[in-house]
């Protein structure tokens, strides 16, 4: 899934524009986080330098107004809101915190994200390729695939969990998102090899997929 990236969320107009999207769900460059306001709860996922992603859930089951009032109370500054959350003691009654005294229906939870989430600098902020790289490594392959700079993607061997290959599996078309996830794993060294115009993606020297590079500049994604 392609997740849009916004430079910031620091003004009323930016928040209104964001909430008017068909899916108010995006990465923010500064401060780095994932913002999800698709329900009455504002969910913020932060990416610490070390350890798993941390998710905050703020809002009310009855209405999005409490979360909206909290954003307003922080002067529309996402960084102010995040700084306040980081200072809260979630081992006690979080309603005692001054940050949450803007609406009586507001609740707050802090959890470790169950799903594996990646910070935007490893996904959405990858720049597209403008020329064929000298060496097709994990990063260059991921940049190409994440910006859909290819055509005719097909399976050569099916990659299974646990780094196992099953050559006898049906040649189902691999999902681009799954390939990106594989390429972002540092312990999975991948490479690319051009053969008569097709680029074969190799895992430990074995082909897992192939495609035809199409290195044209992609359409702008931040509209």
N, C-alpha and C. Protein backbone atom coordinates (compact mmCIF):
# COMPACT_ATOMS: atom_id res chain seq x y z
N UNK A 1 0.84 -1.19 0.00
CA UNK A 1 0.00 0.00 0.00
C UNK A 1 0.87 1.24 0.00
N UNK A 2 0.56 2.20 -0.88
CA UNK A 2 1.27 3.46 -0.91
C UNK A 2 0.66 4.41 0.12
N UNK A 3 1.45 4.89 1.05
CA UNK A 3 0.99 5.82 2.07
C UNK A 3 1.52 7.20 1.73
N UNK A 4 0.63 8.17 1.66
CA UNK A 4 1.04 9.52 1.32
C UNK A 4 1.90 10.11 2.42
N UNK A 5 2.72 11.08 2.05
CA UNK A 5 3.63 11.73 2.99
C UNK A 5 3.37 13.23 2.95
N UNK A 6 3.12 13.81 4.12
CA UNK A 6 2.93 15.25 4.23
C UNK A 6 4.14 15.87 4.92
N UNK A 7 4.54 17.06 4.51
CA UNK A 7 5.70 17.70 5.16
C UNK A 7 5.44 18.00 6.64
N UNK A 8 4.20 18.43 6.98
CA UNK A 8 3.90 18.81 8.36
C UNK A 8 2.39 18.87 8.56
N UNK A 9 1.99 18.95 9.83
CA UNK A 9 0.60 19.21 10.23
C UNK A 9 0.65 20.21 11.37
N UNK A 10 0.78 21.47 11.02
CA UNK A 10 1.03 22.49 12.04
C UNK A 10 0.11 23.69 11.95
N UNK A 11 -0.89 23.64 11.07
CA UNK A 11 -1.82 24.75 10.97
C UNK A 11 -3.24 24.20 10.87
N UNK A 12 -4.20 25.06 11.13
CA UNK A 12 -5.60 24.67 11.04
C UNK A 12 -5.94 24.25 9.62
N UNK A 13 -5.47 25.02 8.65
CA UNK A 13 -5.77 24.71 7.26
C UNK A 13 -5.20 23.35 6.85
N UNK A 14 -3.99 23.03 7.34
CA UNK A 14 -3.39 21.74 7.01
C UNK A 14 -4.22 20.60 7.59
N UNK A 15 -4.71 20.76 8.82
CA UNK A 15 -5.52 19.71 9.44
C UNK A 15 -6.85 19.55 8.72
N UNK A 16 -7.48 20.66 8.34
CA UNK A 16 -8.76 20.58 7.63
C UNK A 16 -8.58 19.89 6.28
N UNK A 17 -7.53 20.27 5.56
CA UNK A 17 -7.26 19.63 4.27
C UNK A 17 -7.01 18.14 4.45
N UNK A 18 -6.25 17.79 5.48
CA UNK A 18 -5.95 16.39 5.76
C UNK A 18 -7.23 15.61 6.06
N UNK A 19 -8.12 16.17 6.89
CA UNK A 19 -9.33 15.46 7.29
C UNK A 19 -10.35 15.38 6.17
N UNK A 20 -10.21 16.21 5.16
CA UNK A 20 -11.12 16.16 4.02
C UNK A 20 -10.70 15.13 2.98
N UNK A 21 -9.56 14.54 3.18
CA UNK A 21 -9.14 13.49 2.25
C UNK A 21 -10.08 12.30 2.35
N UNK A 22 -10.12 11.53 1.28
CA UNK A 22 -10.95 10.32 1.30
C UNK A 22 -10.49 9.39 2.40
N UNK A 23 -9.17 9.32 2.61
CA UNK A 23 -8.61 8.53 3.70
C UNK A 23 -7.60 9.39 4.46
N UNK A 24 -8.01 10.01 5.56
CA UNK A 24 -7.07 10.81 6.36
C UNK A 24 -6.09 9.92 7.12
N UNK A 25 -5.10 9.46 6.39
CA UNK A 25 -4.12 8.49 6.90
C UNK A 25 -2.83 8.76 6.15
N UNK A 26 -1.76 9.15 6.84
CA UNK A 26 -0.54 9.51 6.13
C UNK A 26 0.65 9.54 7.07
N UNK A 27 1.84 9.53 6.48
CA UNK A 27 3.07 9.83 7.20
C UNK A 27 3.25 11.34 7.24
N UNK A 28 3.92 11.80 8.28
CA UNK A 28 4.33 13.20 8.38
C UNK A 28 5.84 13.23 8.51
N UNK A 29 6.47 14.11 7.73
CA UNK A 29 7.93 14.19 7.73
C UNK A 29 8.47 14.75 9.04
N UNK A 30 7.83 15.82 9.54
CA UNK A 30 8.35 16.50 10.73
C UNK A 30 7.20 16.95 11.62
N UNK A 31 7.08 16.37 12.83
CA UNK A 31 7.87 15.27 13.37
C UNK A 31 7.49 13.95 12.69
N UNK A 32 8.43 13.01 12.67
CA UNK A 32 8.23 11.76 11.95
C UNK A 32 7.19 10.91 12.68
N UNK A 33 6.08 10.64 12.02
CA UNK A 33 5.05 9.80 12.62
C UNK A 33 4.04 9.40 11.56
N UNK A 34 3.17 8.47 11.93
CA UNK A 34 2.05 8.04 11.09
C UNK A 34 0.78 8.55 11.76
N UNK A 35 -0.04 9.29 11.02
CA UNK A 35 -1.26 9.89 11.56
C UNK A 35 -2.47 9.23 10.92
N UNK A 36 -3.39 8.77 11.76
CA UNK A 36 -4.60 8.09 11.30
C UNK A 36 -5.80 8.73 11.99
N UNK A 37 -6.64 9.42 11.21
CA UNK A 37 -7.84 10.07 11.76
C UNK A 37 -9.05 9.64 10.95
N UNK A 38 -9.17 8.33 10.68
CA UNK A 38 -10.25 7.80 9.85
C UNK A 38 -11.50 7.48 10.66
N UNK A 39 -11.42 7.62 11.97
CA UNK A 39 -12.57 7.35 12.84
C UNK A 39 -12.68 8.49 13.84
N UNK A 40 -13.38 8.26 14.93
CA UNK A 40 -13.48 9.30 15.96
C UNK A 40 -12.25 9.34 16.84
N UNK A 41 -11.29 8.44 16.59
CA UNK A 41 -10.05 8.41 17.35
C UNK A 41 -8.88 8.89 16.49
N UNK A 42 -8.08 9.77 17.04
CA UNK A 42 -6.83 10.19 16.42
C UNK A 42 -5.76 9.21 16.87
N UNK A 43 -5.14 8.52 15.92
CA UNK A 43 -4.10 7.55 16.25
C UNK A 43 -2.77 8.03 15.68
N UNK A 44 -1.78 8.12 16.54
CA UNK A 44 -0.44 8.57 16.18
C UNK A 44 0.54 7.44 16.44
N UNK A 45 1.32 7.10 15.44
CA UNK A 45 2.34 6.06 15.59
C UNK A 45 3.70 6.72 15.49
N UNK A 46 4.49 6.58 16.55
CA UNK A 46 5.83 7.18 16.60
C UNK A 46 6.88 6.10 16.40
N UNK A 47 8.02 6.51 15.85
CA UNK A 47 9.08 5.56 15.53
C UNK A 47 10.34 5.94 16.29
N UNK A 48 10.56 5.34 17.48
CA UNK A 48 11.78 5.64 18.23
C UNK A 48 13.01 5.15 17.49
N UNK A 49 14.14 5.73 17.84
CA UNK A 49 15.39 5.34 17.18
C UNK A 49 15.69 3.87 17.38
N UNK A 50 15.34 3.36 18.55
CA UNK A 50 15.53 1.94 18.84
C UNK A 50 14.23 1.38 19.40
N UNK A 51 13.93 0.15 19.04
CA UNK A 51 12.74 -0.51 19.57
C UNK A 51 11.56 -0.42 18.62
N UNK A 52 10.43 -0.97 19.09
CA UNK A 52 9.22 -1.04 18.27
C UNK A 52 8.50 0.29 18.21
N UNK A 53 7.66 0.42 17.20
CA UNK A 53 6.85 1.62 17.07
C UNK A 53 5.86 1.71 18.23
N UNK A 54 5.54 2.94 18.64
CA UNK A 54 4.61 3.18 19.74
C UNK A 54 3.40 3.92 19.19
N UNK A 55 2.20 3.44 19.57
CA UNK A 55 0.98 4.04 19.06
C UNK A 55 0.18 4.69 20.19
N UNK A 56 -0.29 5.90 19.95
CA UNK A 56 -1.20 6.59 20.85
C UNK A 56 -2.58 6.65 20.19
N UNK A 57 -3.61 6.40 20.98
CA UNK A 57 -4.98 6.48 20.49
C UNK A 57 -5.74 7.46 21.37
N UNK A 58 -6.28 8.51 20.76
CA UNK A 58 -6.92 9.60 21.49
C UNK A 58 -8.29 9.87 20.89
N UNK A 59 -9.32 9.96 21.74
CA UNK A 59 -10.62 10.29 21.19
C UNK A 59 -11.77 9.77 22.03
N UNK A 60 -12.92 9.69 21.39
CA UNK A 60 -14.16 9.27 22.04
C UNK A 60 -14.92 8.35 21.09
N UNK A 61 -15.66 7.41 21.65
CA UNK A 61 -16.46 6.53 20.81
C UNK A 61 -17.66 7.25 20.21
N UNK A 62 -18.05 8.36 20.80
CA UNK A 62 -19.27 9.04 20.38
C UNK A 62 -19.06 10.04 19.26
N UNK A 63 -17.89 10.65 19.20
CA UNK A 63 -17.69 11.74 18.25
C UNK A 63 -16.20 12.00 18.07
N UNK A 64 -15.84 12.60 16.93
CA UNK A 64 -14.46 13.00 16.71
C UNK A 64 -14.17 14.37 17.32
N UNK A 65 -15.20 15.02 17.86
CA UNK A 65 -15.03 16.36 18.41
C UNK A 65 -13.99 16.42 19.54
N UNK A 66 -13.97 15.45 20.51
CA UNK A 66 -12.95 15.53 21.56
C UNK A 66 -11.53 15.53 21.01
N UNK A 67 -11.24 14.66 20.05
CA UNK A 67 -9.89 14.63 19.47
C UNK A 67 -9.61 15.93 18.73
N UNK A 68 -10.62 16.45 18.04
CA UNK A 68 -10.45 17.70 17.30
C UNK A 68 -10.17 18.86 18.25
N UNK A 69 -10.86 18.89 19.39
CA UNK A 69 -10.63 19.94 20.38
C UNK A 69 -9.23 19.84 20.98
N UNK A 70 -8.73 18.62 21.13
CA UNK A 70 -7.37 18.44 21.64
C UNK A 70 -6.36 19.02 20.66
N UNK A 71 -6.55 18.73 19.36
CA UNK A 71 -5.65 19.29 18.34
C UNK A 71 -5.69 20.81 18.40
N UNK A 72 -6.89 21.37 18.52
CA UNK A 72 -7.05 22.82 18.60
C UNK A 72 -6.36 23.38 19.84
N UNK A 73 -6.49 22.68 20.98
CA UNK A 73 -5.87 23.14 22.23
C UNK A 73 -4.35 23.16 22.13
N UNK A 74 -3.79 22.32 21.25
CA UNK A 74 -2.33 22.30 21.03
C UNK A 74 -1.92 23.29 19.94
N UNK A 75 -2.84 24.23 19.64
CA UNK A 75 -2.57 25.27 18.64
C UNK A 75 -2.26 24.68 17.28
N UNK A 76 -2.91 23.54 16.98
CA UNK A 76 -2.78 22.86 15.68
C UNK A 76 -1.38 22.32 15.43
N UNK A 77 -0.54 22.32 16.45
CA UNK A 77 0.85 21.90 16.30
C UNK A 77 0.97 20.41 16.64
N UNK A 78 1.24 19.59 15.62
CA UNK A 78 1.40 18.16 15.86
C UNK A 78 2.55 17.88 16.82
N UNK A 79 3.63 18.61 16.68
CA UNK A 79 4.78 18.40 17.56
C UNK A 79 4.44 18.71 19.02
N UNK A 80 3.64 19.75 19.25
CA UNK A 80 3.21 20.07 20.61
C UNK A 80 2.39 18.93 21.20
N UNK A 81 1.50 18.38 20.40
CA UNK A 81 0.69 17.26 20.85
C UNK A 81 1.55 16.05 21.19
N UNK A 82 2.50 15.72 20.32
CA UNK A 82 3.37 14.56 20.56
C UNK A 82 4.24 14.77 21.78
N UNK A 83 4.78 15.97 21.94
CA UNK A 83 5.60 16.25 23.13
C UNK A 83 4.80 16.08 24.40
N UNK A 84 3.54 16.51 24.38
CA UNK A 84 2.68 16.34 25.55
C UNK A 84 2.41 14.88 25.85
N UNK A 85 2.19 14.09 24.81
CA UNK A 85 1.94 12.66 25.00
C UNK A 85 3.17 11.96 25.56
N UNK A 86 4.35 12.35 25.08
CA UNK A 86 5.58 11.72 25.56
C UNK A 86 5.86 12.02 27.03
N UNK A 87 5.28 13.10 27.54
CA UNK A 87 5.50 13.47 28.94
C UNK A 87 4.46 12.88 29.87
N UNK A 88 3.42 12.27 29.33
CA UNK A 88 2.35 11.74 30.16
C UNK A 88 2.74 10.43 30.82
N UNK A 89 2.20 10.21 32.01
CA UNK A 89 2.41 8.97 32.75
C UNK A 89 1.20 8.07 32.53
N UNK A 90 1.34 7.07 31.68
CA UNK A 90 0.21 6.21 31.35
C UNK A 90 0.04 5.08 32.36
N UNK A 91 0.87 5.05 33.39
CA UNK A 91 0.71 4.04 34.44
C UNK A 91 -0.33 4.47 35.46
N UNK A 92 -0.76 5.73 35.40
CA UNK A 92 -1.77 6.24 36.33
C UNK A 92 -2.98 6.73 35.55
N UNK A 93 -3.84 7.46 36.20
CA UNK A 93 -5.03 7.99 35.55
C UNK A 93 -4.63 9.10 34.59
N UNK A 94 -4.70 8.83 33.28
CA UNK A 94 -4.22 9.80 32.31
C UNK A 94 -5.09 11.04 32.27
N UNK A 95 -6.33 10.95 32.82
CA UNK A 95 -7.20 12.13 32.83
C UNK A 95 -6.67 13.22 33.75
N UNK A 96 -5.75 12.87 34.65
CA UNK A 96 -5.18 13.87 35.54
C UNK A 96 -4.19 14.77 34.82
N UNK A 97 -3.79 14.39 33.62
CA UNK A 97 -2.81 15.17 32.89
C UNK A 97 -3.47 16.39 32.26
N UNK A 98 -2.79 17.52 32.34
CA UNK A 98 -3.35 18.78 31.84
C UNK A 98 -3.62 18.72 30.34
N UNK A 99 -2.86 17.91 29.62
CA UNK A 99 -3.02 17.85 28.17
C UNK A 99 -4.42 17.40 27.78
N UNK A 100 -5.04 16.55 28.62
CA UNK A 100 -6.32 15.94 28.26
C UNK A 100 -7.52 16.61 28.91
N UNK A 101 -7.34 17.74 29.54
CA UNK A 101 -8.45 18.40 30.23
C UNK A 101 -9.22 19.34 29.31
N UNK A 102 -9.17 19.07 28.02
CA UNK A 102 -9.89 19.93 27.08
C UNK A 102 -11.29 19.40 26.81
N UNK A 103 -11.58 18.16 27.18
CA UNK A 103 -12.90 17.58 26.92
C UNK A 103 -13.08 16.37 27.83
N UNK A 104 -14.23 16.31 28.50
CA UNK A 104 -14.44 15.24 29.48
C UNK A 104 -14.58 13.86 28.84
N UNK A 105 -14.96 13.79 27.56
CA UNK A 105 -15.15 12.50 26.91
C UNK A 105 -13.87 11.94 26.29
N UNK A 106 -12.79 12.66 26.40
CA UNK A 106 -11.55 12.25 25.75
C UNK A 106 -10.86 11.14 26.53
N UNK A 107 -10.47 10.08 25.85
CA UNK A 107 -9.69 9.01 26.45
C UNK A 107 -8.38 8.87 25.69
N UNK A 108 -7.39 8.29 26.35
CA UNK A 108 -6.07 8.13 25.74
C UNK A 108 -5.50 6.78 26.10
N UNK A 109 -4.89 6.14 25.12
CA UNK A 109 -4.21 4.87 25.34
C UNK A 109 -2.85 4.90 24.67
N UNK A 110 -1.91 4.19 25.24
CA UNK A 110 -0.58 4.04 24.66
C UNK A 110 -0.28 2.56 24.55
N UNK A 111 0.05 2.10 23.34
CA UNK A 111 0.33 0.69 23.12
C UNK A 111 1.50 0.55 22.16
N UNK A 112 2.11 -0.61 22.16
CA UNK A 112 3.11 -0.94 21.14
C UNK A 112 2.38 -1.49 19.94
N UNK A 113 2.71 -0.98 18.77
CA UNK A 113 2.01 -1.38 17.55
C UNK A 113 2.18 -2.87 17.31
N UNK A 114 1.07 -3.58 17.11
CA UNK A 114 1.13 -5.02 16.87
C UNK A 114 1.67 -5.33 15.48
N UNK A 115 1.21 -4.57 14.49
CA UNK A 115 1.69 -4.80 13.13
C UNK A 115 3.08 -4.18 12.97
N UNK A 116 3.84 -4.74 12.05
CA UNK A 116 5.18 -4.22 11.81
C UNK A 116 5.10 -2.98 10.93
N UNK A 117 5.41 -1.83 11.51
CA UNK A 117 5.36 -0.58 10.78
C UNK A 117 6.76 -0.04 10.59
N UNK A 118 6.98 0.58 9.45
CA UNK A 118 8.29 1.13 9.12
C UNK A 118 8.21 2.65 9.08
N UNK A 119 9.27 3.33 9.55
CA UNK A 119 9.27 4.80 9.47
C UNK A 119 9.30 5.25 8.02
N UNK A 120 8.81 6.46 7.76
CA UNK A 120 8.69 6.91 6.37
C UNK A 120 10.00 7.01 5.62
N UNK A 121 11.11 7.24 6.33
CA UNK A 121 12.37 7.34 5.62
C UNK A 121 12.78 6.00 4.99
N UNK A 122 12.12 4.91 5.41
CA UNK A 122 12.40 3.61 4.82
C UNK A 122 11.36 3.20 3.79
N UNK A 123 10.30 4.00 3.67
CA UNK A 123 9.25 3.63 2.71
C UNK A 123 8.84 4.81 1.87
N UNK A 124 7.90 5.61 2.39
CA UNK A 124 7.30 6.66 1.58
C UNK A 124 8.25 7.73 1.11
N UNK A 125 9.39 7.96 1.81
CA UNK A 125 10.30 9.02 1.44
C UNK A 125 11.43 8.54 0.54
N UNK A 126 11.37 7.30 0.10
CA UNK A 126 12.35 6.82 -0.85
C UNK A 126 12.19 7.57 -2.17
N UNK A 127 13.27 8.09 -2.69
CA UNK A 127 13.19 8.84 -3.93
C UNK A 127 13.19 7.89 -5.13
N UNK A 128 12.48 8.27 -6.19
CA UNK A 128 12.47 7.41 -7.38
C UNK A 128 13.82 7.43 -8.08
N UNK A 129 14.07 6.42 -8.88
CA UNK A 129 15.29 6.37 -9.67
C UNK A 129 15.16 7.30 -10.88
N UNK A 130 16.23 8.00 -11.18
CA UNK A 130 16.25 8.85 -12.38
C UNK A 130 17.16 8.27 -13.46
N UNK A 131 17.92 7.25 -13.11
CA UNK A 131 18.80 6.58 -14.07
C UNK A 131 19.07 5.19 -13.55
N UNK A 132 19.48 4.32 -14.44
CA UNK A 132 19.79 2.95 -14.03
C UNK A 132 21.01 2.96 -13.11
N UNK A 133 20.91 2.35 -11.92
CA UNK A 133 22.04 2.35 -10.99
C UNK A 133 23.19 1.48 -11.50
N UNK A 134 24.37 1.77 -11.01
CA UNK A 134 25.52 0.94 -11.38
C UNK A 134 25.39 -0.46 -10.81
N UNK A 135 24.73 -0.56 -9.67
CA UNK A 135 24.54 -1.88 -9.04
C UNK A 135 23.12 -1.96 -8.49
N UNK A 136 22.42 -3.03 -8.82
CA UNK A 136 21.07 -3.22 -8.31
C UNK A 136 21.14 -3.87 -6.93
N UNK A 137 21.06 -3.06 -5.88
CA UNK A 137 21.08 -3.59 -4.52
C UNK A 137 19.69 -3.42 -3.90
N UNK A 138 19.56 -3.74 -2.59
CA UNK A 138 18.27 -3.65 -1.91
C UNK A 138 17.64 -2.27 -2.05
N UNK A 139 18.43 -1.23 -1.84
CA UNK A 139 17.89 0.12 -1.84
C UNK A 139 17.41 0.54 -3.22
N UNK A 140 18.22 0.32 -4.25
CA UNK A 140 17.82 0.73 -5.59
C UNK A 140 16.60 -0.05 -6.07
N UNK A 141 16.53 -1.33 -5.74
CA UNK A 141 15.36 -2.13 -6.10
C UNK A 141 14.11 -1.63 -5.38
N UNK A 142 14.27 -1.29 -4.10
CA UNK A 142 13.13 -0.81 -3.33
C UNK A 142 12.64 0.53 -3.86
N UNK A 143 13.55 1.42 -4.22
CA UNK A 143 13.17 2.72 -4.78
C UNK A 143 12.37 2.54 -6.07
N UNK A 144 12.81 1.65 -6.92
CA UNK A 144 12.14 1.42 -8.18
C UNK A 144 10.73 0.85 -7.96
N UNK A 145 10.62 -0.17 -7.10
CA UNK A 145 9.35 -0.83 -6.91
C UNK A 145 8.36 0.05 -6.15
N UNK A 146 8.83 0.78 -5.13
CA UNK A 146 7.93 1.62 -4.34
C UNK A 146 7.32 2.74 -5.17
N UNK A 147 8.02 3.20 -6.21
CA UNK A 147 7.50 4.25 -7.07
C UNK A 147 6.92 3.69 -8.38
N UNK A 148 6.76 2.36 -8.42
CA UNK A 148 6.12 1.70 -9.56
C UNK A 148 6.81 2.05 -10.88
N UNK A 149 8.14 2.05 -10.85
CA UNK A 149 8.92 2.33 -12.06
C UNK A 149 9.25 1.02 -12.79
N UNK A 150 8.22 0.25 -13.06
CA UNK A 150 8.43 -1.04 -13.71
C UNK A 150 7.14 -1.47 -14.37
N UNK A 151 7.23 -2.53 -15.16
CA UNK A 151 6.05 -3.15 -15.75
C UNK A 151 6.29 -4.66 -15.85
N UNK A 152 5.21 -5.39 -16.04
CA UNK A 152 5.27 -6.84 -16.24
C UNK A 152 5.99 -7.56 -15.11
N UNK A 153 5.55 -7.31 -13.89
CA UNK A 153 6.09 -8.02 -12.73
C UNK A 153 5.55 -9.45 -12.71
N UNK A 154 6.43 -10.40 -12.53
CA UNK A 154 5.98 -11.79 -12.47
C UNK A 154 6.87 -12.59 -11.52
N UNK A 155 6.32 -13.69 -11.07
CA UNK A 155 7.04 -14.54 -10.12
C UNK A 155 7.98 -15.49 -10.85
N UNK A 156 9.14 -15.70 -10.26
CA UNK A 156 10.06 -16.71 -10.73
C UNK A 156 10.10 -17.88 -9.76
N UNK A 157 10.06 -17.56 -8.49
CA UNK A 157 9.91 -18.56 -7.42
C UNK A 157 9.16 -17.87 -6.30
N UNK A 158 8.34 -18.60 -5.57
CA UNK A 158 7.53 -18.01 -4.52
C UNK A 158 8.34 -17.95 -3.23
N UNK A 159 8.44 -16.75 -2.68
CA UNK A 159 9.16 -16.57 -1.41
C UNK A 159 8.22 -16.86 -0.25
N UNK A 160 8.65 -17.73 0.66
CA UNK A 160 7.85 -18.09 1.81
C UNK A 160 8.50 -17.57 3.08
N UNK A 161 7.70 -17.42 4.12
CA UNK A 161 8.20 -16.98 5.41
C UNK A 161 9.27 -17.95 5.91
N UNK A 162 10.35 -17.40 6.43
CA UNK A 162 11.45 -18.23 6.88
C UNK A 162 12.53 -18.39 5.84
N UNK A 163 12.49 -17.54 4.81
CA UNK A 163 13.53 -17.54 3.76
C UNK A 163 13.57 -18.86 3.00
N UNK A 164 12.42 -19.52 2.85
CA UNK A 164 12.36 -20.77 2.11
C UNK A 164 11.85 -20.50 0.70
N UNK A 165 12.36 -21.21 -0.25
CA UNK A 165 11.92 -21.07 -1.63
C UNK A 165 11.24 -22.36 -2.07
N UNK A 166 10.17 -22.20 -2.85
CA UNK A 166 9.42 -23.37 -3.29
C UNK A 166 9.32 -23.32 -4.82
N UNK A 167 10.31 -23.85 -5.54
CA UNK A 167 10.33 -23.74 -7.00
C UNK A 167 9.11 -24.36 -7.66
N UNK A 168 8.45 -25.34 -7.02
CA UNK A 168 7.34 -26.04 -7.65
C UNK A 168 6.01 -25.32 -7.48
N UNK A 169 6.00 -24.16 -6.79
CA UNK A 169 4.75 -23.45 -6.54
C UNK A 169 4.21 -22.84 -7.83
N UNK A 170 2.91 -22.60 -7.93
CA UNK A 170 2.33 -21.95 -9.11
C UNK A 170 2.94 -20.56 -9.31
N UNK A 171 3.09 -20.15 -10.56
CA UNK A 171 3.74 -18.86 -10.82
C UNK A 171 2.81 -17.68 -10.60
N UNK A 172 2.33 -17.50 -9.37
CA UNK A 172 1.45 -16.38 -9.06
C UNK A 172 2.25 -15.08 -9.08
N UNK A 173 1.60 -14.01 -9.52
CA UNK A 173 2.25 -12.71 -9.57
C UNK A 173 2.52 -12.23 -8.15
N UNK A 174 3.75 -11.89 -7.79
CA UNK A 174 4.04 -11.43 -6.43
C UNK A 174 3.47 -10.05 -6.19
N UNK A 175 3.18 -9.75 -4.94
CA UNK A 175 2.69 -8.42 -4.57
C UNK A 175 3.87 -7.49 -4.40
N UNK A 176 3.75 -6.28 -4.95
CA UNK A 176 4.84 -5.31 -4.84
C UNK A 176 5.15 -4.98 -3.39
N UNK A 177 4.10 -4.87 -2.54
CA UNK A 177 4.31 -4.55 -1.13
C UNK A 177 5.14 -5.62 -0.43
N UNK A 178 4.90 -6.88 -0.78
CA UNK A 178 5.66 -7.97 -0.16
C UNK A 178 7.13 -7.91 -0.59
N UNK A 179 7.37 -7.56 -1.84
CA UNK A 179 8.75 -7.42 -2.30
C UNK A 179 9.45 -6.28 -1.60
N UNK A 180 8.74 -5.16 -1.41
CA UNK A 180 9.33 -4.01 -0.70
C UNK A 180 9.68 -4.41 0.73
N UNK A 181 8.77 -5.11 1.40
CA UNK A 181 9.03 -5.55 2.77
C UNK A 181 10.28 -6.43 2.83
N UNK A 182 10.42 -7.33 1.86
CA UNK A 182 11.59 -8.20 1.81
C UNK A 182 12.86 -7.39 1.59
N UNK A 183 12.79 -6.41 0.69
CA UNK A 183 13.97 -5.61 0.36
C UNK A 183 14.41 -4.73 1.52
N UNK A 184 13.47 -4.37 2.40
CA UNK A 184 13.81 -3.52 3.54
C UNK A 184 14.41 -4.29 4.70
N UNK A 185 14.36 -5.61 4.64
CA UNK A 185 14.96 -6.42 5.69
C UNK A 185 16.47 -6.48 5.47
N UNK A 186 17.21 -5.95 6.42
CA UNK A 186 18.66 -5.86 6.26
C UNK A 186 19.33 -7.22 6.17
N UNK A 187 18.72 -8.26 6.77
CA UNK A 187 19.36 -9.58 6.77
C UNK A 187 18.99 -10.39 5.53
N UNK A 188 18.31 -9.77 4.56
CA UNK A 188 17.95 -10.46 3.33
C UNK A 188 18.65 -9.77 2.15
N UNK A 189 19.90 -10.14 1.84
CA UNK A 189 20.62 -9.47 0.76
C UNK A 189 20.04 -9.84 -0.60
N UNK A 190 19.54 -8.84 -1.31
CA UNK A 190 18.98 -9.05 -2.64
C UNK A 190 19.82 -8.32 -3.67
N UNK A 191 19.67 -8.72 -4.91
CA UNK A 191 20.39 -8.05 -6.00
C UNK A 191 19.55 -8.20 -7.26
N UNK A 192 19.92 -7.44 -8.28
CA UNK A 192 19.21 -7.52 -9.55
C UNK A 192 20.16 -7.86 -10.68
N UNK A 193 19.69 -8.62 -11.63
CA UNK A 193 20.51 -9.02 -12.77
C UNK A 193 19.70 -8.85 -14.05
N UNK A 194 20.19 -8.02 -14.98
CA UNK A 194 19.52 -7.78 -16.24
C UNK A 194 19.81 -8.90 -17.23
N UNK A 195 18.75 -9.44 -17.83
CA UNK A 195 18.89 -10.47 -18.85
C UNK A 195 17.94 -10.14 -19.99
N UNK A 196 18.50 -9.65 -21.08
CA UNK A 196 17.72 -9.33 -22.27
C UNK A 196 16.55 -8.40 -21.96
N UNK A 197 16.82 -7.37 -21.19
CA UNK A 197 15.80 -6.36 -20.90
C UNK A 197 14.97 -6.63 -19.66
N UNK A 198 14.99 -7.85 -19.13
CA UNK A 198 14.27 -8.16 -17.90
C UNK A 198 15.22 -8.12 -16.72
N UNK A 199 14.74 -7.56 -15.62
CA UNK A 199 15.54 -7.50 -14.41
C UNK A 199 15.06 -8.60 -13.47
N UNK A 200 15.95 -9.52 -13.13
CA UNK A 200 15.63 -10.61 -12.22
C UNK A 200 16.06 -10.23 -10.81
N UNK A 201 15.14 -10.35 -9.85
CA UNK A 201 15.44 -10.09 -8.46
C UNK A 201 15.94 -11.39 -7.83
N UNK A 202 17.13 -11.32 -7.28
CA UNK A 202 17.78 -12.50 -6.74
C UNK A 202 17.86 -12.42 -5.23
N UNK A 203 17.49 -13.48 -4.56
CA UNK A 203 17.65 -13.61 -3.11
C UNK A 203 18.64 -14.72 -2.86
N UNK A 204 19.81 -14.37 -2.28
CA UNK A 204 20.89 -15.33 -2.09
C UNK A 204 21.25 -16.01 -3.41
N UNK A 205 21.19 -15.23 -4.48
CA UNK A 205 21.58 -15.74 -5.80
C UNK A 205 20.50 -16.48 -6.55
N UNK A 206 19.32 -16.67 -5.93
CA UNK A 206 18.23 -17.40 -6.57
C UNK A 206 17.14 -16.43 -7.00
N UNK A 207 16.60 -16.56 -8.23
CA UNK A 207 15.56 -15.64 -8.70
C UNK A 207 14.24 -15.85 -7.96
N UNK A 208 13.62 -14.76 -7.52
CA UNK A 208 12.32 -14.84 -6.86
C UNK A 208 11.26 -14.09 -7.66
N UNK A 209 11.68 -13.13 -8.51
CA UNK A 209 10.74 -12.37 -9.32
C UNK A 209 11.51 -11.70 -10.44
N UNK A 210 10.78 -11.24 -11.44
CA UNK A 210 11.41 -10.50 -12.52
C UNK A 210 10.45 -9.42 -13.01
N UNK A 211 10.99 -8.39 -13.63
CA UNK A 211 10.20 -7.27 -14.12
C UNK A 211 10.99 -6.54 -15.19
N UNK A 212 10.32 -5.59 -15.83
CA UNK A 212 10.98 -4.75 -16.83
C UNK A 212 11.06 -3.34 -16.26
N UNK A 213 12.25 -2.82 -15.99
CA UNK A 213 12.38 -1.45 -15.45
C UNK A 213 11.81 -0.42 -16.42
N UNK A 214 11.14 0.56 -15.84
CA UNK A 214 10.59 1.66 -16.62
C UNK A 214 10.88 2.93 -15.84
N UNK A 215 12.08 3.44 -16.01
CA UNK A 215 12.58 4.51 -15.16
C UNK A 215 12.14 5.88 -15.65
N UNK A 216 10.84 6.10 -15.63
CA UNK A 216 10.30 7.41 -15.92
C UNK A 216 9.93 8.09 -14.60
N UNK A 217 9.93 9.42 -14.59
CA UNK A 217 9.61 10.15 -13.36
C UNK A 217 8.14 9.94 -13.01
N UNK A 218 7.83 9.49 -11.79
CA UNK A 218 6.45 9.18 -11.44
C UNK A 218 5.60 10.43 -11.26
N UNK A 219 4.30 10.23 -11.26
CA UNK A 219 3.39 11.32 -10.99
C UNK A 219 3.58 11.80 -9.55
N UNK A 220 3.42 13.09 -9.26
CA UNK A 220 3.55 13.59 -7.89
C UNK A 220 2.58 12.89 -6.97
N UNK A 221 3.06 12.52 -5.78
CA UNK A 221 2.23 11.74 -4.85
C UNK A 221 1.68 12.60 -3.72
N UNK A 222 2.16 13.83 -3.57
CA UNK A 222 1.72 14.68 -2.46
C UNK A 222 0.81 15.77 -3.00
N UNK A 223 -0.41 15.43 -3.29
CA UNK A 223 -1.36 16.37 -3.85
C UNK A 223 -2.44 16.67 -2.85
